[in-house]
Amino acid sequence: MDKHQQLVLGFFESRAAADHAAQELKEFDKAVAGVKFDNIGILVKDDKGQVKAHMEGPRRTGVGILLGALAAVLTGGLSLIAGVVLGGALGHFVHKSLGMSKDDLARISGELDGGRAAVGVLVDESQAKAVTAWMETVGGKTETHQVSEQATDEAAAVLQEHPDAEPEGADNAPPSAAQ
């Protein structure tokens, strides 16, 4: 049976607030039994309007794949080194596997305007409500998107077929170091 997870996005008023929330989320992960996150990422928009994914862990697993794909699609899919074919595959993943419409993508992009940032984490369905509630207590405006294990595997396979493809600007720098 396909296991479903939730991509929880918390939108914050500033990069500093998102950095703080990401650090607190790591503490939440340690403090609550049974809660283990794959990794935590932050989405920001640079001064040229390009969305960047800053990861605390591997980009090619879990939330790293999802946020990298989302960042690429939000910047028109052309921020990928491998070009339009890979961008199209990831765009299909975001639209179909995450169920995000063009309106959803426009809203998410708008949430990143004006120096705001989003914290993203991939959790089991059973943990989504607790993580969403927690993000709201630290000032985040949240939304969740269902993600099947199969969908994540498909996105990972696309990236594996194109090992040199990374969203431009994606990095593993700790949130406090990446601006």
N, C-alpha and C. Protein backbone atom coordinates (compact mmCIF):
# COMPACT_ATOMS: atom_id res chain seq x y z
N MET A 1 0.85 -1.18 0.00
CA MET A 1 0.00 0.00 0.00
C MET A 1 0.89 1.24 0.00
N ASP A 2 0.51 2.20 -0.79
CA ASP A 2 1.26 3.43 -0.92
C ASP A 2 1.11 4.26 0.34
N LYS A 3 2.21 4.65 0.91
CA LYS A 3 2.22 5.47 2.13
C LYS A 3 2.11 6.94 1.73
N HIS A 4 1.22 7.66 2.40
CA HIS A 4 1.06 9.08 2.10
C HIS A 4 1.72 9.92 3.17
N GLN A 5 2.31 11.00 2.73
CA GLN A 5 2.91 11.97 3.61
C GLN A 5 2.30 13.32 3.29
N GLN A 6 2.60 14.29 4.12
CA GLN A 6 2.12 15.64 3.91
C GLN A 6 3.32 16.58 3.83
N LEU A 7 3.30 17.45 2.84
CA LEU A 7 4.25 18.54 2.78
C LEU A 7 3.60 19.69 3.52
N VAL A 8 4.16 20.07 4.66
CA VAL A 8 3.64 21.18 5.45
C VAL A 8 4.49 22.40 5.13
N LEU A 9 3.84 23.45 4.67
CA LEU A 9 4.51 24.72 4.41
C LEU A 9 4.03 25.74 5.42
N GLY A 10 4.96 26.40 6.06
CA GLY A 10 4.63 27.49 6.98
C GLY A 10 5.23 28.76 6.43
N PHE A 11 4.39 29.76 6.18
CA PHE A 11 4.85 31.03 5.62
C PHE A 11 5.07 32.02 6.76
N PHE A 12 6.23 32.69 6.73
CA PHE A 12 6.62 33.61 7.80
C PHE A 12 6.91 34.99 7.22
N GLU A 13 6.79 36.00 8.05
CA GLU A 13 6.92 37.40 7.64
C GLU A 13 8.34 37.78 7.22
N SER A 14 9.34 37.01 7.64
CA SER A 14 10.72 37.34 7.27
C SER A 14 11.56 36.07 7.23
N ARG A 15 12.70 36.20 6.60
CA ARG A 15 13.65 35.09 6.57
C ARG A 15 14.12 34.77 7.98
N ALA A 16 14.34 35.79 8.80
CA ALA A 16 14.78 35.56 10.18
C ALA A 16 13.73 34.77 10.95
N ALA A 17 12.45 35.08 10.76
CA ALA A 17 11.39 34.34 11.45
C ALA A 17 11.34 32.89 10.96
N ALA A 18 11.56 32.69 9.66
CA ALA A 18 11.59 31.33 9.12
C ALA A 18 12.80 30.56 9.65
N ASP A 19 13.95 31.21 9.72
CA ASP A 19 15.15 30.58 10.28
C ASP A 19 14.89 30.13 11.72
N HIS A 20 14.28 31.04 12.49
CA HIS A 20 13.96 30.72 13.89
C HIS A 20 12.99 29.53 13.96
N ALA A 21 11.96 29.54 13.13
CA ALA A 21 11.00 28.45 13.12
C ALA A 21 11.66 27.13 12.73
N ALA A 22 12.59 27.16 11.76
CA ALA A 22 13.29 25.94 11.36
C ALA A 22 14.11 25.38 12.51
N GLN A 23 14.79 26.27 13.25
CA GLN A 23 15.58 25.82 14.40
C GLN A 23 14.67 25.24 15.48
N GLU A 24 13.56 25.91 15.74
CA GLU A 24 12.60 25.43 16.72
C GLU A 24 11.98 24.11 16.28
N LEU A 25 11.76 23.95 14.97
CA LEU A 25 11.20 22.72 14.43
C LEU A 25 12.15 21.55 14.67
N LYS A 26 13.44 21.81 14.56
CA LYS A 26 14.43 20.76 14.87
C LYS A 26 14.33 20.35 16.33
N GLU A 27 14.13 21.33 17.21
CA GLU A 27 13.97 21.02 18.64
C GLU A 27 12.67 20.25 18.88
N PHE A 28 11.60 20.63 18.19
CA PHE A 28 10.32 19.93 18.27
C PHE A 28 10.52 18.48 17.86
N ASP A 29 11.27 18.25 16.79
CA ASP A 29 11.57 16.91 16.30
C ASP A 29 12.26 16.08 17.39
N LYS A 30 13.21 16.68 18.09
CA LYS A 30 13.94 15.97 19.14
C LYS A 30 13.07 15.72 20.37
N ALA A 31 12.18 16.65 20.69
CA ALA A 31 11.43 16.60 21.94
C ALA A 31 10.22 15.67 21.90
N VAL A 32 9.62 15.48 20.73
CA VAL A 32 8.38 14.71 20.65
C VAL A 32 8.67 13.31 20.13
N ALA A 33 8.35 12.33 20.95
CA ALA A 33 8.55 10.93 20.57
C ALA A 33 7.72 10.60 19.34
N GLY A 34 8.31 9.87 18.42
CA GLY A 34 7.60 9.45 17.23
C GLY A 34 7.58 10.47 16.10
N VAL A 35 8.12 11.65 16.34
CA VAL A 35 8.19 12.67 15.28
C VAL A 35 9.62 12.70 14.76
N LYS A 36 9.78 12.35 13.51
CA LYS A 36 11.09 12.42 12.87
C LYS A 36 10.91 12.97 11.47
N PHE A 37 11.59 14.06 11.20
CA PHE A 37 11.50 14.70 9.89
C PHE A 37 12.65 14.24 9.02
N ASP A 38 12.37 14.12 7.71
CA ASP A 38 13.40 13.78 6.74
C ASP A 38 14.45 14.88 6.73
N ASN A 39 14.04 16.07 6.51
CA ASN A 39 14.87 17.26 6.63
C ASN A 39 13.96 18.47 6.53
N ILE A 40 14.53 19.62 6.76
CA ILE A 40 13.75 20.86 6.79
C ILE A 40 14.35 21.80 5.76
N GLY A 41 13.49 22.50 5.05
CA GLY A 41 13.96 23.44 4.05
C GLY A 41 13.27 24.78 4.17
N ILE A 42 13.90 25.78 3.58
CA ILE A 42 13.34 27.13 3.57
C ILE A 42 13.31 27.61 2.13
N LEU A 43 12.16 28.15 1.73
CA LEU A 43 12.01 28.76 0.42
C LEU A 43 12.03 30.28 0.58
N VAL A 44 12.82 30.95 -0.24
CA VAL A 44 12.87 32.41 -0.26
C VAL A 44 12.93 32.87 -1.71
N LYS A 45 12.58 34.12 -1.91
CA LYS A 45 12.65 34.71 -3.24
C LYS A 45 13.75 35.77 -3.20
N ASP A 46 14.68 35.69 -4.16
CA ASP A 46 15.76 36.68 -4.19
C ASP A 46 15.28 37.98 -4.82
N ASP A 47 16.17 38.95 -4.91
CA ASP A 47 15.79 40.27 -5.42
C ASP A 47 15.44 40.27 -6.92
N LYS A 48 15.74 39.17 -7.61
CA LYS A 48 15.38 39.04 -9.02
C LYS A 48 14.09 38.23 -9.20
N GLY A 49 13.48 37.82 -8.08
CA GLY A 49 12.24 37.06 -8.15
C GLY A 49 12.43 35.56 -8.31
N GLN A 50 13.67 35.10 -8.23
CA GLN A 50 13.95 33.67 -8.33
C GLN A 50 13.75 33.01 -6.97
N VAL A 51 13.03 31.89 -6.94
CA VAL A 51 12.79 31.18 -5.70
C VAL A 51 13.96 30.24 -5.46
N LYS A 52 14.48 30.28 -4.25
CA LYS A 52 15.62 29.46 -3.85
C LYS A 52 15.20 28.53 -2.72
N ALA A 53 15.70 27.32 -2.77
CA ALA A 53 15.45 26.34 -1.71
C ALA A 53 16.74 26.15 -0.93
N HIS A 54 16.70 26.44 0.35
CA HIS A 54 17.85 26.26 1.23
C HIS A 54 17.55 25.07 2.13
N MET A 55 18.38 24.03 2.03
CA MET A 55 18.10 22.78 2.72
C MET A 55 19.02 22.57 3.91
N GLU A 56 18.46 21.96 4.95
CA GLU A 56 19.23 21.58 6.12
C GLU A 56 19.78 20.17 5.99
N GLY A 57 19.30 19.43 5.00
CA GLY A 57 19.73 18.05 4.81
C GLY A 57 19.87 17.77 3.32
N PRO A 58 19.89 16.50 2.95
CA PRO A 58 20.07 16.15 1.54
C PRO A 58 18.95 16.69 0.67
N ARG A 59 19.32 17.22 -0.51
CA ARG A 59 18.32 17.74 -1.44
C ARG A 59 17.63 16.65 -2.21
N ARG A 60 18.21 15.50 -2.31
CA ARG A 60 17.66 14.45 -3.16
C ARG A 60 16.83 13.43 -2.40
N THR A 61 16.36 13.78 -1.23
CA THR A 61 15.45 12.92 -0.49
C THR A 61 14.32 13.77 0.06
N GLY A 62 13.17 13.16 0.20
CA GLY A 62 12.05 13.78 0.88
C GLY A 62 11.77 15.22 0.52
N VAL A 63 11.77 16.07 1.54
CA VAL A 63 11.42 17.47 1.34
C VAL A 63 12.42 18.19 0.43
N GLY A 64 13.64 17.71 0.36
CA GLY A 64 14.62 18.31 -0.54
C GLY A 64 14.19 18.21 -1.98
N ILE A 65 13.68 17.05 -2.37
CA ILE A 65 13.18 16.86 -3.73
C ILE A 65 11.96 17.74 -3.96
N LEU A 66 11.05 17.74 -2.99
CA LEU A 66 9.81 18.49 -3.15
C LEU A 66 10.05 19.99 -3.24
N LEU A 67 10.86 20.53 -2.32
CA LEU A 67 11.10 21.98 -2.34
C LEU A 67 11.96 22.38 -3.53
N GLY A 68 12.91 21.54 -3.92
CA GLY A 68 13.71 21.83 -5.11
C GLY A 68 12.84 21.87 -6.35
N ALA A 69 11.92 20.91 -6.47
CA ALA A 69 11.00 20.90 -7.61
C ALA A 69 10.08 22.11 -7.56
N LEU A 70 9.56 22.41 -6.38
CA LEU A 70 8.66 23.56 -6.23
C LEU A 70 9.39 24.87 -6.57
N ALA A 71 10.62 25.03 -6.08
CA ALA A 71 11.40 26.24 -6.39
C ALA A 71 11.62 26.36 -7.89
N ALA A 72 11.94 25.25 -8.54
CA ALA A 72 12.17 25.28 -9.99
C ALA A 72 10.92 25.67 -10.74
N VAL A 73 9.78 25.10 -10.35
CA VAL A 73 8.54 25.41 -11.04
C VAL A 73 8.12 26.85 -10.78
N LEU A 74 8.31 27.34 -9.55
CA LEU A 74 7.94 28.72 -9.23
C LEU A 74 8.78 29.74 -10.00
N THR A 75 9.98 29.33 -10.43
CA THR A 75 10.81 30.24 -11.22
C THR A 75 10.70 29.90 -12.71
N GLY A 76 9.61 29.29 -13.09
CA GLY A 76 9.34 29.01 -14.49
C GLY A 76 9.90 27.70 -14.98
N GLY A 77 10.45 26.87 -14.10
CA GLY A 77 10.99 25.58 -14.50
C GLY A 77 12.29 25.68 -15.25
N LEU A 78 12.73 26.89 -15.54
CA LEU A 78 13.93 27.05 -16.35
C LEU A 78 15.18 27.24 -15.50
N SER A 79 15.02 27.18 -14.19
CA SER A 79 16.18 27.35 -13.32
C SER A 79 16.93 26.04 -13.16
N LEU A 80 16.52 25.03 -13.89
CA LEU A 80 17.19 23.75 -13.81
C LEU A 80 18.29 23.66 -14.86
N ILE A 81 19.43 23.18 -14.45
CA ILE A 81 20.55 23.07 -15.37
C ILE A 81 20.22 22.15 -16.54
N ALA A 82 19.46 21.09 -16.31
CA ALA A 82 19.15 20.13 -17.37
C ALA A 82 18.12 20.67 -18.35
N GLY A 83 17.53 21.81 -18.07
CA GLY A 83 16.68 22.47 -19.05
C GLY A 83 15.22 22.12 -19.00
N VAL A 84 14.55 22.41 -20.10
CA VAL A 84 13.09 22.36 -20.17
C VAL A 84 12.53 20.96 -19.98
N VAL A 85 13.20 19.93 -20.49
CA VAL A 85 12.66 18.57 -20.36
C VAL A 85 12.53 18.19 -18.90
N LEU A 86 13.57 18.41 -18.13
CA LEU A 86 13.52 18.11 -16.70
C LEU A 86 12.56 19.05 -16.00
N GLY A 87 12.57 20.32 -16.39
CA GLY A 87 11.64 21.27 -15.81
C GLY A 87 10.21 20.83 -16.04
N GLY A 88 9.91 20.33 -17.24
CA GLY A 88 8.57 19.83 -17.54
C GLY A 88 8.20 18.64 -16.70
N ALA A 89 9.16 17.73 -16.49
CA ALA A 89 8.89 16.55 -15.66
C ALA A 89 8.61 16.96 -14.23
N LEU A 90 9.38 17.91 -13.71
CA LEU A 90 9.14 18.36 -12.34
C LEU A 90 7.86 19.19 -12.25
N GLY A 91 7.56 19.93 -13.30
CA GLY A 91 6.31 20.67 -13.33
C GLY A 91 5.13 19.73 -13.29
N HIS A 92 5.20 18.65 -14.04
CA HIS A 92 4.14 17.63 -14.02
C HIS A 92 4.01 17.06 -12.61
N PHE A 93 5.15 16.80 -11.97
CA PHE A 93 5.14 16.27 -10.60
C PHE A 93 4.43 17.24 -9.66
N VAL A 94 4.77 18.52 -9.71
CA VAL A 94 4.18 19.51 -8.82
C VAL A 94 2.68 19.64 -9.08
N HIS A 95 2.30 19.70 -10.34
CA HIS A 95 0.88 19.87 -10.67
C HIS A 95 0.06 18.62 -10.36
N LYS A 96 0.54 17.46 -10.77
CA LYS A 96 -0.24 16.22 -10.62
C LYS A 96 -0.04 15.56 -9.27
N SER A 97 1.19 15.35 -8.88
CA SER A 97 1.46 14.58 -7.66
C SER A 97 1.20 15.37 -6.39
N LEU A 98 1.41 16.69 -6.42
CA LEU A 98 1.10 17.51 -5.26
C LEU A 98 -0.27 18.17 -5.41
N GLY A 99 -0.87 18.01 -6.56
CA GLY A 99 -2.20 18.58 -6.79
C GLY A 99 -2.21 20.10 -6.76
N MET A 100 -1.10 20.71 -7.12
CA MET A 100 -1.02 22.18 -7.11
C MET A 100 -1.42 22.73 -8.47
N SER A 101 -2.36 23.65 -8.44
CA SER A 101 -2.80 24.31 -9.67
C SER A 101 -1.92 25.53 -9.93
N LYS A 102 -2.12 26.16 -11.06
CA LYS A 102 -1.40 27.40 -11.35
C LYS A 102 -1.75 28.46 -10.32
N ASP A 103 -3.01 28.47 -9.86
CA ASP A 103 -3.42 29.42 -8.82
C ASP A 103 -2.68 29.15 -7.51
N ASP A 104 -2.51 27.86 -7.17
CA ASP A 104 -1.76 27.51 -5.95
C ASP A 104 -0.33 28.02 -6.06
N LEU A 105 0.29 27.79 -7.21
CA LEU A 105 1.67 28.21 -7.40
C LEU A 105 1.79 29.74 -7.34
N ALA A 106 0.83 30.44 -7.93
CA ALA A 106 0.85 31.90 -7.89
C ALA A 106 0.69 32.39 -6.44
N ARG A 107 -0.19 31.75 -5.68
CA ARG A 107 -0.39 32.13 -4.28
C ARG A 107 0.87 31.88 -3.47
N ILE A 108 1.50 30.73 -3.66
CA ILE A 108 2.74 30.41 -2.93
C ILE A 108 3.83 31.41 -3.30
N SER A 109 3.95 31.71 -4.59
CA SER A 109 4.94 32.69 -5.01
C SER A 109 4.68 34.04 -4.36
N GLY A 110 3.43 34.45 -4.31
CA GLY A 110 3.06 35.71 -3.67
C GLY A 110 3.38 35.73 -2.19
N GLU A 111 3.26 34.58 -1.54
CA GLU A 111 3.57 34.47 -0.11
C GLU A 111 5.06 34.71 0.16
N LEU A 112 5.88 34.58 -0.89
CA LEU A 112 7.32 34.76 -0.74
C LEU A 112 7.79 36.16 -1.11
N ASP A 113 6.86 37.01 -1.54
CA ASP A 113 7.21 38.38 -1.89
C ASP A 113 7.55 39.20 -0.65
N GLY A 114 8.26 40.28 -0.86
CA GLY A 114 8.51 41.24 0.21
C GLY A 114 9.39 40.71 1.34
N GLY A 115 10.29 39.78 1.03
CA GLY A 115 11.21 39.27 2.05
C GLY A 115 10.64 38.17 2.93
N ARG A 116 9.42 37.73 2.63
CA ARG A 116 8.84 36.63 3.42
C ARG A 116 9.48 35.32 2.99
N ALA A 117 9.30 34.29 3.82
CA ALA A 117 9.92 32.99 3.56
C ALA A 117 8.99 31.88 4.02
N ALA A 118 9.22 30.68 3.51
CA ALA A 118 8.44 29.52 3.89
C ALA A 118 9.36 28.44 4.44
N VAL A 119 8.90 27.78 5.48
CA VAL A 119 9.57 26.60 6.01
C VAL A 119 8.78 25.40 5.51
N GLY A 120 9.47 24.42 4.98
CA GLY A 120 8.81 23.21 4.50
C GLY A 120 9.36 21.98 5.19
N VAL A 121 8.45 21.07 5.52
CA VAL A 121 8.85 19.81 6.14
C VAL A 121 7.91 18.73 5.65
N LEU A 122 8.45 17.54 5.43
CA LEU A 122 7.67 16.39 4.98
C LEU A 122 7.43 15.49 6.19
N VAL A 123 6.15 15.21 6.48
CA VAL A 123 5.80 14.42 7.65
C VAL A 123 4.79 13.34 7.27
N ASP A 124 4.69 12.32 8.11
CA ASP A 124 3.65 11.31 7.94
C ASP A 124 2.29 11.97 8.14
N GLU A 125 1.29 11.43 7.47
CA GLU A 125 -0.06 11.99 7.60
C GLU A 125 -0.48 12.12 9.06
N SER A 126 -0.11 11.15 9.87
CA SER A 126 -0.52 11.16 11.28
C SER A 126 0.10 12.31 12.07
N GLN A 127 1.17 12.89 11.56
CA GLN A 127 1.87 13.98 12.25
C GLN A 127 1.52 15.36 11.71
N ALA A 128 0.81 15.41 10.58
CA ALA A 128 0.58 16.68 9.89
C ALA A 128 -0.17 17.70 10.75
N LYS A 129 -1.22 17.26 11.46
CA LYS A 129 -1.99 18.20 12.28
C LYS A 129 -1.14 18.80 13.39
N ALA A 130 -0.33 17.97 14.04
CA ALA A 130 0.52 18.46 15.13
C ALA A 130 1.56 19.44 14.61
N VAL A 131 2.18 19.14 13.49
CA VAL A 131 3.21 20.02 12.93
C VAL A 131 2.58 21.32 12.44
N THR A 132 1.42 21.22 11.81
CA THR A 132 0.72 22.41 11.34
C THR A 132 0.37 23.31 12.53
N ALA A 133 -0.20 22.72 13.57
CA ALA A 133 -0.56 23.50 14.77
C ALA A 133 0.68 24.14 15.39
N TRP A 134 1.76 23.38 15.44
CA TRP A 134 3.00 23.90 16.02
C TRP A 134 3.50 25.10 15.21
N MET A 135 3.52 24.96 13.86
CA MET A 135 4.00 26.07 13.03
C MET A 135 3.15 27.32 13.23
N GLU A 136 1.86 27.12 13.42
CA GLU A 136 0.97 28.27 13.65
C GLU A 136 1.27 28.94 14.99
N THR A 137 1.68 28.16 16.00
CA THR A 137 2.00 28.75 17.30
C THR A 137 3.26 29.60 17.25
N VAL A 138 4.15 29.33 16.28
CA VAL A 138 5.36 30.15 16.16
C VAL A 138 5.21 31.21 15.07
N GLY A 139 3.97 31.48 14.65
CA GLY A 139 3.70 32.59 13.75
C GLY A 139 3.56 32.27 12.29
N GLY A 140 3.53 31.00 11.93
CA GLY A 140 3.41 30.64 10.52
C GLY A 140 1.98 30.58 10.03
N LYS A 141 1.80 30.92 8.80
CA LYS A 141 0.53 30.72 8.10
C LYS A 141 0.74 29.44 7.30
N THR A 142 -0.06 28.41 7.57
CA THR A 142 0.27 27.08 7.05
C THR A 142 -0.67 26.60 5.95
N GLU A 143 -0.13 25.66 5.19
CA GLU A 143 -0.92 24.87 4.25
C GLU A 143 -0.24 23.53 4.10
N THR A 144 -1.02 22.52 3.75
CA THR A 144 -0.45 21.19 3.57
C THR A 144 -0.84 20.65 2.19
N HIS A 145 0.01 19.77 1.69
CA HIS A 145 -0.22 19.12 0.41
C HIS A 145 0.11 17.65 0.57
N GLN A 146 -0.83 16.79 0.19
CA GLN A 146 -0.61 15.35 0.30
C GLN A 146 0.39 14.88 -0.75
N VAL A 147 1.30 14.02 -0.33
CA VAL A 147 2.35 13.50 -1.20
C VAL A 147 2.42 11.99 -0.98
N SER A 148 2.29 11.23 -2.04
CA SER A 148 2.42 9.78 -1.90
C SER A 148 3.89 9.39 -2.00
N GLU A 149 4.23 8.27 -1.41
CA GLU A 149 5.59 7.76 -1.50
C GLU A 149 5.95 7.52 -2.96
N GLN A 150 4.99 7.04 -3.73
CA GLN A 150 5.22 6.81 -5.16
C GLN A 150 5.59 8.12 -5.86
N ALA A 151 4.90 9.20 -5.53
CA ALA A 151 5.18 10.49 -6.16
C ALA A 151 6.60 10.96 -5.84
N THR A 152 6.99 10.84 -4.58
CA THR A 152 8.35 11.23 -4.19
C THR A 152 9.38 10.37 -4.90
N ASP A 153 9.09 9.06 -5.01
CA ASP A 153 9.99 8.16 -5.72
C ASP A 153 10.12 8.55 -7.19
N GLU A 154 8.99 8.96 -7.80
CA GLU A 154 9.03 9.36 -9.21
C GLU A 154 9.89 10.61 -9.39
N ALA A 155 9.75 11.59 -8.51
CA ALA A 155 10.56 12.80 -8.62
C ALA A 155 12.03 12.47 -8.40
N ALA A 156 12.32 11.59 -7.45
CA ALA A 156 13.70 11.18 -7.21
C ALA A 156 14.28 10.48 -8.43
N ALA A 157 13.46 9.67 -9.11
CA ALA A 157 13.92 8.97 -10.31
C ALA A 157 14.26 9.96 -11.42
N VAL A 158 13.43 11.01 -11.57
CA VAL A 158 13.72 12.04 -12.58
C VAL A 158 15.07 12.68 -12.28
N LEU A 159 15.29 13.03 -11.02
CA LEU A 159 16.57 13.65 -10.66
C LEU A 159 17.73 12.67 -10.80
N GLN A 160 17.49 11.39 -10.53
CA GLN A 160 18.55 10.39 -10.66
C GLN A 160 18.95 10.22 -12.12
N GLU A 161 17.97 10.33 -13.02
CA GLU A 161 18.27 10.23 -14.45
C GLU A 161 19.11 11.41 -14.93
N HIS A 162 19.04 12.51 -14.20
CA HIS A 162 19.77 13.74 -14.55
C HIS A 162 20.60 14.17 -13.35
N PRO A 163 21.69 13.43 -13.05
CA PRO A 163 22.43 13.68 -11.80
C PRO A 163 23.04 15.07 -11.69
N ASP A 164 23.24 15.76 -12.81
CA ASP A 164 23.83 17.09 -12.74
C ASP A 164 22.78 18.18 -12.55
N ALA A 165 21.52 17.78 -12.58
CA ALA A 165 20.45 18.78 -12.49
C ALA A 165 20.17 19.13 -11.04
N GLU A 166 20.27 20.38 -10.74
CA GLU A 166 19.90 20.92 -9.44
C GLU A 166 19.23 22.25 -9.71
N PRO A 167 18.22 22.58 -8.95
CA PRO A 167 17.69 23.93 -9.10
C PRO A 167 18.80 24.93 -8.81
N GLU A 168 18.98 25.93 -9.70
CA GLU A 168 20.01 26.93 -9.45
C GLU A 168 19.72 27.63 -8.15
N GLY A 169 20.75 27.83 -7.36
CA GLY A 169 20.58 28.54 -6.10
C GLY A 169 20.22 27.63 -4.95
N ALA A 170 19.88 26.36 -5.21
CA ALA A 170 19.59 25.45 -4.11
C ALA A 170 20.90 25.18 -3.39
N ASP A 171 20.84 25.11 -2.09
CA ASP A 171 22.06 24.84 -1.35
C ASP A 171 21.75 24.09 -0.07
N ASN A 172 22.81 23.61 0.55
CA ASN A 172 22.70 22.92 1.83
C ASN A 172 23.16 23.81 2.96
N ALA A 173 23.32 25.09 2.71
CA ALA A 173 23.80 25.99 3.76
C ALA A 173 22.77 26.08 4.88
N PRO A 174 23.23 26.14 6.11
CA PRO A 174 22.28 26.33 7.19
C PRO A 174 21.51 27.62 6.95
N PRO A 175 20.23 27.66 7.36
CA PRO A 175 19.43 28.85 7.09
C PRO A 175 20.07 30.14 7.56
N SER A 176 20.76 30.13 8.67
CA SER A 176 21.36 31.37 9.16
C SER A 176 22.50 31.84 8.28
N ALA A 177 23.12 30.94 7.52
CA ALA A 177 24.26 31.32 6.67
C ALA A 177 23.80 31.69 5.26
N ALA A 178 22.67 31.15 4.81
CA ALA A 178 22.20 31.42 3.46
C ALA A 178 21.25 32.60 3.49
N GLN A 179 21.55 33.61 2.72
CA GLN A 179 20.68 34.79 2.70
C GLN A 179 20.10 34.95 1.37
